[in-house]
Amino acid sequence: MKIFVNCFLLSLLFAFSSVQASERAQRGWQWIEEGAMVIDVRTPSEFNEDHLDQAVNYPLSELDKYIGNLDKSQPIVLYCRSGNRSGQALQYLSSKGFTALHNAGGLNEMKIEAPQ
């Protein structure tokens, strides 16, 4: 019985995570369609392998170098591989006074949720 309960709880967690991931990607696309800047915070080699057409590559480790090029009131959509680095970028940019930021998660979830 304990194994069944654990499996059930894990499946609920997975389902909730998937729903949450698709919602953040969908919201990211809404922002993009409304004119948001798109920043891929992965490494240059990851970016060169694949990226969204609209994206610029400002790696998380070098984000401070690009802040001067950004308008703090411009809506910005951030993404990476899984949503972790883009979450860190969101926190960093927020601490620097940026107000319109959205973590859209990972590249794959963005591609899955891309408008047709």
C-alpha atoms as a PDB file:
ATOM      1  CA  MET A   1       0.000   0.000   0.000  1.00  0.00           C
ATOM      2  CA  LYS A   2       2.844   2.371   0.873  1.00  0.00           C
ATOM      3  CA  ILE A   3       4.427   1.845  -2.549  1.00  0.00           C
ATOM      4  CA  PHE A   4       1.106   2.614  -4.237  1.00  0.00           C
ATOM      5  CA  VAL A   5       0.716   5.857  -2.271  1.00  0.00           C
ATOM      6  CA  ASN A   6       4.284   6.916  -3.101  1.00  0.00           C
ATOM      7  CA  CYS A   7       3.774   6.172  -6.809  1.00  0.00           C
ATOM      8  CA  PHE A   8       0.500   8.076  -6.783  1.00  0.00           C
ATOM      9  CA  LEU A   9       2.102  11.099  -5.108  1.00  0.00           C
ATOM     10  CA  LEU A  10       5.013  11.046  -7.565  1.00  0.00           C
ATOM     11  CA  SER A  11       2.638  10.907 -10.526  1.00  0.00           C
ATOM     12  CA  LEU A  12       0.687  13.869  -9.141  1.00  0.00           C
ATOM     13  CA  LEU A  13       3.902  15.817  -8.685  1.00  0.00           C
ATOM     14  CA  PHE A  14       4.970  15.030 -12.248  1.00  0.00           C
ATOM     15  CA  ALA A  15       1.575  16.013 -13.648  1.00  0.00           C
ATOM     16  CA  PHE A  16       1.554  19.282 -11.699  1.00  0.00           C
ATOM     17  CA  SER A  17       5.112  20.085 -12.814  1.00  0.00           C
ATOM     18  CA  SER A  18       4.183  19.490 -16.456  1.00  0.00           C
ATOM     19  CA  VAL A  19       1.122  21.723 -16.217  1.00  0.00           C
ATOM     20  CA  GLN A  20       3.125  24.432 -14.498  1.00  0.00           C
ATOM     21  CA  ALA A  21       5.873  24.175 -17.138  1.00  0.00           C
ATOM     22  CA  SER A  22       3.462  24.461 -20.044  1.00  0.00           C
ATOM     23  CA  GLU A  23       1.723  27.437 -18.420  1.00  0.00           C
ATOM     24  CA  ARG A  24       4.978  29.357 -18.027  1.00  0.00           C
ATOM     25  CA  ALA A  25       5.923  28.607 -21.639  1.00  0.00           C
ATOM     26  CA  GLN A  26       2.480  29.664 -22.886  1.00  0.00           C
ATOM     27  CA  ARG A  27       2.729  32.885 -20.924  1.00  0.00           C
ATOM     28  CA  GLY A  28       6.208  33.408 -22.370  1.00  0.00           C
ATOM     29  CA  TRP A  29       4.806  33.174 -25.888  1.00  0.00           C
ATOM     30  CA  GLN A  30       2.074  35.668 -24.996  1.00  0.00           C
ATOM     31  CA  TRP A  31       4.722  38.125 -23.858  1.00  0.00           C
ATOM     32  CA  ILE A  32       6.777  37.513 -27.021  1.00  0.00           C
ATOM     33  CA  GLU A  33       3.734  38.121 -29.222  1.00  0.00           C
ATOM     34  CA  GLU A  34       3.231  41.406 -27.345  1.00  0.00           C
ATOM     35  CA  GLY A  35       6.780  42.514 -28.171  1.00  0.00           C
ATOM     36  CA  ALA A  36       8.908  41.253 -25.286  1.00  0.00           C
ATOM     37  CA  MET A  37      12.634  40.846 -25.756  1.00  0.00           C
ATOM     38  CA  VAL A  38      13.735  37.196 -25.603  1.00  0.00           C
ATOM     39  CA  ILE A  39      16.948  36.293 -23.792  1.00  0.00           C
ATOM     40  CA  ASP A  40      18.491  32.825 -23.842  1.00  0.00           C
ATOM     41  CA  VAL A  41      20.769  32.588 -20.783  1.00  0.00           C
ATOM     42  CA  ARG A  42      22.440  29.313 -21.772  1.00  0.00           C
ATOM     43  CA  THR A  43      26.072  29.058 -22.826  1.00  0.00           C
ATOM     44  CA  PRO A  44      27.106  30.144 -26.335  1.00  0.00           C
ATOM     45  CA  SER A  45      27.675  26.517 -27.357  1.00  0.00           C
ATOM     46  CA  GLU A  46      24.161  25.559 -26.214  1.00  0.00           C
ATOM     47  CA  PHE A  47      22.753  28.583 -28.035  1.00  0.00           C
ATOM     48  CA  ASN A  48      24.631  27.665 -31.228  1.00  0.00           C
ATOM     49  CA  GLU A  49      23.154  24.153 -31.131  1.00  0.00           C
ATOM     50  CA  ASP A  50      19.569  25.436 -31.037  1.00  0.00           C
ATOM     51  CA  HIS A  51      17.623  28.484 -29.898  1.00  0.00           C
ATOM     52  CA  LEU A  52      14.438  30.428 -30.509  1.00  0.00           C
ATOM     53  CA  ASP A  53      14.681  32.636 -33.599  1.00  0.00           C
ATOM     54  CA  GLN A  54      13.780  35.766 -31.614  1.00  0.00           C
ATOM     55  CA  ALA A  55      16.384  35.200 -28.904  1.00  0.00           C
ATOM     56  CA  VAL A  56      19.627  36.915 -28.105  1.00  0.00           C
ATOM     57  CA  ASN A  57      22.255  34.996 -26.172  1.00  0.00           C
ATOM     58  CA  TYR A  58      23.226  36.644 -22.898  1.00  0.00           C
ATOM     59  CA  PRO A  59      24.748  33.773 -20.880  1.00  0.00           C
ATOM     60  CA  LEU A  60      23.886  33.804 -17.189  1.00  0.00           C
ATOM     61  CA  SER A  61      27.578  33.912 -16.258  1.00  0.00           C
ATOM     62  CA  GLU A  62      28.011  37.108 -18.320  1.00  0.00           C
ATOM     63  CA  LEU A  63      24.634  38.763 -17.773  1.00  0.00           C
ATOM     64  CA  ASP A  64      26.167  41.707 -15.931  1.00  0.00           C
ATOM     65  CA  LYS A  65      28.022  42.643 -19.158  1.00  0.00           C
ATOM     66  CA  TYR A  66      24.742  43.142 -21.024  1.00  0.00           C
ATOM     67  CA  ILE A  67      22.687  45.061 -18.457  1.00  0.00           C
ATOM     68  CA  GLY A  68      23.719  48.403 -19.926  1.00  0.00           C
ATOM     69  CA  ASN A  69      22.127  47.395 -23.253  1.00  0.00           C
ATOM     70  CA  LEU A  70      18.756  46.670 -21.659  1.00  0.00           C
ATOM     71  CA  ASP A  71      15.804  48.933 -20.899  1.00  0.00           C
ATOM     72  CA  LYS A  72      14.618  48.221 -17.350  1.00  0.00           C
ATOM     73  CA  SER A  73      10.980  48.725 -18.332  1.00  0.00           C
ATOM     74  CA  GLN A  74      11.134  46.571 -21.505  1.00  0.00           C
ATOM     75  CA  PRO A  75       9.294  43.275 -21.030  1.00  0.00           C
ATOM     76  CA  ILE A  76      11.826  40.435 -21.115  1.00  0.00           C
ATOM     77  CA  VAL A  77      11.228  36.704 -21.495  1.00  0.00           C
ATOM     78  CA  LEU A  78      14.055  34.526 -20.187  1.00  0.00           C
ATOM     79  CA  TYR A  79      14.661  30.863 -20.958  1.00  0.00           C
ATOM     80  CA  CYS A  80      17.425  28.262 -20.645  1.00  0.00           C
ATOM     81  CA  ARG A  81      17.484  24.467 -20.740  1.00  0.00           C
ATOM     82  CA  SER A  82      15.246  23.696 -17.767  1.00  0.00           C
ATOM     83  CA  GLY A  83      14.153  26.988 -16.236  1.00  0.00           C
ATOM     84  CA  ASN A  84      16.779  26.998 -13.481  1.00  0.00           C
ATOM     85  CA  ARG A  85      19.280  29.431 -14.985  1.00  0.00           C
ATOM     86  CA  SER A  86      16.512  31.636 -16.354  1.00  0.00           C
ATOM     87  CA  GLY A  87      15.087  31.734 -12.820  1.00  0.00           C
ATOM     88  CA  GLN A  88      18.458  32.858 -11.518  1.00  0.00           C
ATOM     89  CA  ALA A  89      18.658  35.483 -14.266  1.00  0.00           C
ATOM     90  CA  LEU A  90      15.194  36.728 -13.323  1.00  0.00           C
ATOM     91  CA  GLN A  91      16.245  37.138  -9.695  1.00  0.00           C
ATOM     92  CA  TYR A  92      19.455  38.914 -10.691  1.00  0.00           C
ATOM     93  CA  LEU A  93      17.734  41.314 -13.092  1.00  0.00           C
ATOM     94  CA  SER A  94      14.985  41.992 -10.540  1.00  0.00           C
ATOM     95  CA  SER A  95      17.645  42.934  -7.999  1.00  0.00           C
ATOM     96  CA  LYS A  96      19.007  45.440 -10.543  1.00  0.00           C
ATOM     97  CA  GLY A  97      15.635  47.180 -10.970  1.00  0.00           C
ATOM     98  CA  PHE A  98      14.131  45.355 -13.931  1.00  0.00           C
ATOM     99  CA  THR A  99      10.373  45.168 -13.525  1.00  0.00           C
ATOM    100  CA  ALA A 100       8.867  43.264 -16.464  1.00  0.00           C
ATOM    101  CA  LEU A 101      10.448  39.806 -16.404  1.00  0.00           C
ATOM    102  CA  HIS A 102       9.121  36.326 -17.087  1.00  0.00           C
ATOM    103  CA  ASN A 103      10.856  32.964 -16.700  1.00  0.00           C
ATOM    104  CA  ALA A 104       9.467  30.906 -19.585  1.00  0.00           C
ATOM    105  CA  GLY A 105      11.393  27.811 -18.529  1.00  0.00           C
ATOM    106  CA  GLY A 106      13.297  25.587 -20.917  1.00  0.00           C
ATOM    107  CA  LEU A 107      13.843  25.688 -24.665  1.00  0.00           C
ATOM    108  CA  ASN A 108      12.072  22.363 -25.251  1.00  0.00           C
ATOM    109  CA  GLU A 109       8.946  23.407 -23.373  1.00  0.00           C
ATOM    110  CA  MET A 110       8.963  26.706 -25.277  1.00  0.00           C
ATOM    111  CA  LYS A 111       9.133  24.804 -28.557  1.00  0.00           C
ATOM    112  CA  ILE A 112       6.319  22.453 -27.504  1.00  0.00           C
ATOM    113  CA  GLU A 113       4.087  25.399 -26.610  1.00  0.00           C
ATOM    114  CA  ALA A 114       5.016  27.517 -29.660  1.00  0.00           C
ATOM    115  CA  PRO A 115       2.020  29.050 -31.416  1.00  0.00           C
ATOM    116  CA  GLN A 116       1.115  27.298 -34.646  1.00  0.00           C
END
